[in-house]
N, C-alpha and C. Protein backbone atom coordinates (compact mmCIF):
# COMPACT_ATOMS: atom_id res chain seq x y z
N UNK A 1 48.52 62.99 -15.21
CA UNK A 1 49.65 61.76 -15.97
C UNK A 1 50.59 62.77 -15.77
N UNK A 2 51.59 61.45 -15.82
CA UNK A 2 52.89 61.98 -15.93
C UNK A 2 54.08 60.40 -15.64
N UNK A 3 55.23 61.05 -15.64
CA UNK A 3 55.99 59.57 -15.69
C UNK A 3 57.12 59.98 -14.51
N UNK A 4 57.91 59.07 -13.95
CA UNK A 4 58.78 59.44 -12.89
C UNK A 4 58.64 60.24 -11.89
N UNK A 5 59.57 60.89 -11.12
CA UNK A 5 59.39 61.49 -10.07
C UNK A 5 58.58 62.74 -10.12
N UNK A 6 57.99 62.80 -10.90
CA UNK A 6 56.99 64.13 -10.53
C UNK A 6 56.08 64.61 -9.04
N UNK A 7 56.65 65.57 -8.60
CA UNK A 7 56.51 65.96 -7.31
C UNK A 7 54.86 66.27 -7.69
N UNK A 8 54.13 66.59 -8.67
CA UNK A 8 52.80 67.05 -8.84
C UNK A 8 51.99 65.96 -8.21
N UNK A 9 52.61 64.97 -8.89
CA UNK A 9 51.73 63.36 -8.69
C UNK A 9 52.01 62.32 -7.34
N UNK A 10 52.02 63.29 -6.32
CA UNK A 10 52.41 62.21 -5.00
C UNK A 10 50.81 61.93 -4.62
N UNK A 11 50.58 60.82 -4.06
CA UNK A 11 49.64 60.62 -3.87
C UNK A 11 49.76 60.74 -2.07
N UNK A 12 48.24 61.05 -1.60
CA UNK A 12 47.92 61.36 -0.27
C UNK A 12 47.45 60.14 0.41
N UNK A 13 48.22 59.76 1.56
CA UNK A 13 47.98 58.74 2.21
C UNK A 13 46.78 59.69 3.39
N UNK A 14 45.74 58.74 3.80
CA UNK A 14 44.67 59.41 4.71
C UNK A 14 45.26 59.25 6.03
N UNK A 15 45.30 60.19 7.37
CA UNK A 15 45.80 60.38 8.50
C UNK A 15 45.08 59.34 9.45
N UNK A 16 46.07 58.80 10.14
CA UNK A 16 44.95 57.79 10.73
C UNK A 16 45.02 58.06 12.42
N UNK A 17 43.67 57.34 12.58
CA UNK A 17 43.64 57.82 14.18
C UNK A 17 43.02 56.72 14.60
N UNK A 18 42.93 56.57 16.20
CA UNK A 18 42.64 55.03 16.42
C UNK A 18 41.62 55.06 17.42
N UNK A 19 40.70 53.99 17.37
CA UNK A 19 39.34 53.55 18.21
C UNK A 19 39.83 53.47 19.36
N UNK A 20 38.74 53.42 20.45
CA UNK A 20 39.61 53.09 21.93
C UNK A 20 39.93 51.83 22.01
N UNK A 21 39.50 50.99 20.88
CA UNK A 21 40.27 49.57 21.19
C UNK A 21 41.83 49.41 20.78
N UNK A 22 42.10 50.63 19.88
CA UNK A 22 43.27 50.97 19.49
C UNK A 22 43.72 50.00 18.02
N UNK A 23 42.57 50.13 17.33
CA UNK A 23 42.46 49.53 16.00
C UNK A 23 42.75 50.93 15.09
N UNK A 24 43.52 50.88 14.13
CA UNK A 24 43.66 52.22 13.31
C UNK A 24 42.41 52.21 12.33
N UNK A 25 42.28 53.18 11.93
CA UNK A 25 41.05 53.63 11.05
C UNK A 25 41.61 54.75 10.31
N UNK A 26 41.05 55.41 8.91
CA UNK A 26 41.41 56.16 8.35
C UNK A 26 40.53 57.62 8.69
N UNK A 27 40.83 58.66 8.92
CA UNK A 27 40.05 60.01 9.12
C UNK A 27 39.18 60.03 8.10
N UNK A 28 37.62 60.40 8.75
CA UNK A 28 36.36 60.73 7.84
C UNK A 28 36.82 61.87 7.06
N UNK A 29 36.36 62.32 5.75
CA UNK A 29 36.70 63.57 5.07
C UNK A 29 35.15 64.26 5.79
N UNK A 30 34.23 63.90 5.62
CA UNK A 30 32.69 64.55 6.24
C UNK A 30 32.63 63.70 7.59
N UNK A 31 31.63 65.27 8.29
CA UNK A 31 31.92 65.23 9.60
C UNK A 31 29.85 65.23 9.60
N UNK A 32 29.22 64.58 10.27
CA UNK A 32 27.89 64.37 10.29
C UNK A 32 27.48 64.94 11.84
N UNK A 33 27.06 66.04 12.46
CA UNK A 33 26.51 66.49 13.57
C UNK A 33 24.84 66.60 13.67
N UNK A 34 24.59 65.82 14.86
CA UNK A 34 23.01 66.24 15.08
C UNK A 34 22.99 66.90 16.22
N UNK A 35 22.24 67.98 16.46
CA UNK A 35 21.90 68.92 17.48
C UNK A 35 21.02 69.05 18.07
N UNK A 36 20.66 69.03 19.31
CA UNK A 36 19.27 68.98 19.88
C UNK A 36 19.09 69.88 20.77
N UNK A 37 17.94 70.76 20.90
CA UNK A 37 17.81 71.69 21.83
C UNK A 37 17.02 71.47 22.44
N UNK A 38 17.25 71.61 23.70
CA UNK A 38 15.55 71.43 24.88
C UNK A 38 15.62 72.63 25.52
N UNK A 39 14.57 72.66 26.22
CA UNK A 39 14.26 73.92 26.94
C UNK A 39 13.02 74.49 27.32
N UNK A 40 12.49 75.07 28.08
CA UNK A 40 11.25 75.91 28.39
C UNK A 40 10.68 76.31 27.40
N UNK A 41 8.92 76.26 27.11
CA UNK A 41 8.70 77.12 26.03
C UNK A 41 8.63 78.92 26.32
N UNK A 42 9.06 79.11 24.70
CA UNK A 42 8.90 80.55 24.72
C UNK A 42 10.58 81.01 24.87
N UNK A 43 11.67 80.22 25.12
CA UNK A 43 13.02 80.58 25.12
C UNK A 43 13.87 81.11 24.07
N UNK A 44 13.54 80.56 22.70
CA UNK A 44 14.15 80.93 22.01
C UNK A 44 14.50 79.97 20.99
N UNK A 45 14.69 78.35 21.15
CA UNK A 45 14.94 77.58 20.21
C UNK A 45 14.84 77.60 18.66
N UNK A 46 13.32 77.59 18.68
CA UNK A 46 13.46 77.88 17.15
C UNK A 46 13.92 78.97 16.71
N UNK A 47 13.87 79.97 17.43
CA UNK A 47 14.53 81.37 16.79
C UNK A 47 15.89 80.87 16.16
N UNK A 48 16.81 80.74 17.38
CA UNK A 48 18.12 80.19 17.36
C UNK A 48 18.57 79.22 16.03
N UNK A 49 17.56 78.25 15.80
CA UNK A 49 17.91 76.96 14.44
C UNK A 49 17.47 77.70 13.50
N UNK A 50 16.26 78.80 13.20
CA UNK A 50 16.28 79.29 12.28
C UNK A 50 17.24 80.12 11.72
N UNK A 51 17.79 80.94 13.07
CA UNK A 51 18.60 82.35 12.24
C UNK A 51 20.01 81.33 11.87
N UNK A 52 20.34 80.24 12.52
CA UNK A 52 21.41 79.36 12.09
C UNK A 52 21.38 78.38 10.88
N UNK A 53 20.01 77.70 10.46
CA UNK A 53 19.71 77.10 9.38
C UNK A 53 19.38 77.79 8.02
N UNK A 54 18.70 79.14 8.32
CA UNK A 54 18.24 79.70 7.25
C UNK A 54 18.66 81.21 7.05
N UNK A 55 19.22 81.70 8.19
CA UNK A 55 19.81 83.23 8.16
C UNK A 55 18.46 84.15 8.13
N UNK A 56 17.04 83.64 8.66
CA UNK A 56 15.96 84.64 8.85
C UNK A 56 15.54 84.69 10.38
N UNK A 57 14.94 85.40 10.77
CA UNK A 57 14.57 85.63 12.22
C UNK A 57 13.13 86.29 12.04
N UNK A 58 12.02 85.89 12.83
CA UNK A 58 10.45 86.02 12.56
C UNK A 58 10.09 86.26 13.78
N UNK A 59 9.35 87.67 14.14
CA UNK A 59 9.06 88.09 15.18
C UNK A 59 7.60 87.53 15.91
N UNK A 60 7.77 86.90 16.66
CA UNK A 60 6.58 86.49 17.37
C UNK A 60 6.16 84.83 16.58
N UNK A 61 6.75 84.09 16.80
CA UNK A 61 6.90 83.06 16.27
C UNK A 61 5.62 82.01 17.08
N UNK A 62 4.93 81.02 16.25
CA UNK A 62 3.97 80.33 16.98
C UNK A 62 4.74 79.31 17.58
N UNK A 63 4.24 78.64 18.80
CA UNK A 63 5.09 77.69 19.76
C UNK A 63 4.82 76.30 18.81
N UNK A 64 6.46 76.00 19.02
CA UNK A 64 6.47 74.67 18.24
C UNK A 64 5.95 73.23 19.11
N UNK A 65 4.82 72.38 18.77
CA UNK A 65 4.38 71.57 19.25
C UNK A 65 4.99 70.13 19.11
N UNK A 66 5.76 69.54 19.60
CA UNK A 66 5.97 68.31 19.23
C UNK A 66 7.48 68.40 19.14
N UNK A 67 7.82 68.48 17.55
CA UNK A 67 9.62 68.37 17.05
C UNK A 67 9.48 69.26 15.74
N UNK A 68 10.82 69.72 15.58
CA UNK A 68 11.12 70.16 14.29
C UNK A 68 12.01 70.07 14.00
N UNK A 69 12.84 69.71 12.70
CA UNK A 69 13.68 69.26 11.99
C UNK A 69 14.39 70.37 11.03
N UNK A 70 15.41 70.55 11.26
CA UNK A 70 16.17 71.60 10.21
C UNK A 70 17.80 71.10 9.90
N UNK A 71 18.01 71.46 8.65
CA UNK A 71 19.24 70.72 8.32
C UNK A 71 19.79 71.68 7.57
N UNK A 72 21.34 71.51 7.86
CA UNK A 72 22.32 72.42 7.21
C UNK A 72 23.37 72.28 6.74
N UNK A 73 23.93 72.21 5.56
CA UNK A 73 25.10 71.93 5.04
C UNK A 73 26.13 73.23 5.09
N UNK A 74 27.07 72.82 5.47
CA UNK A 74 28.48 74.02 6.16
C UNK A 74 29.49 73.37 5.23
N UNK A 75 30.38 74.30 4.98
CA UNK A 75 31.54 73.75 4.15
C UNK A 75 32.49 74.89 4.81
N UNK A 76 33.69 74.45 5.56
CA UNK A 76 34.67 75.02 6.60
C UNK A 76 35.97 75.13 5.74
N UNK A 77 35.77 74.63 4.58
CA UNK A 77 37.47 74.73 3.60
C UNK A 77 37.27 76.42 3.18
N UNK A 78 36.78 77.49 4.22
CA UNK A 78 37.15 78.71 3.66
C UNK A 78 38.26 79.16 3.94
């Protein structure tokens, strides 16, 4: 709250970027990524995703049949 020309109360305008069509859009404040690991059996796809998402490692995991879905929320404002 305040009046006049307070420097603490400046409105931030979103940065603009353009789509390939040339139309301007506001930059998103949140990015979502979907990553797919593909490869032969036994190469460590499950191990690397568990290490990243849950910071764990299991020796001798069972083969994943079908698909496995993991999520991780990551805050890069450090």
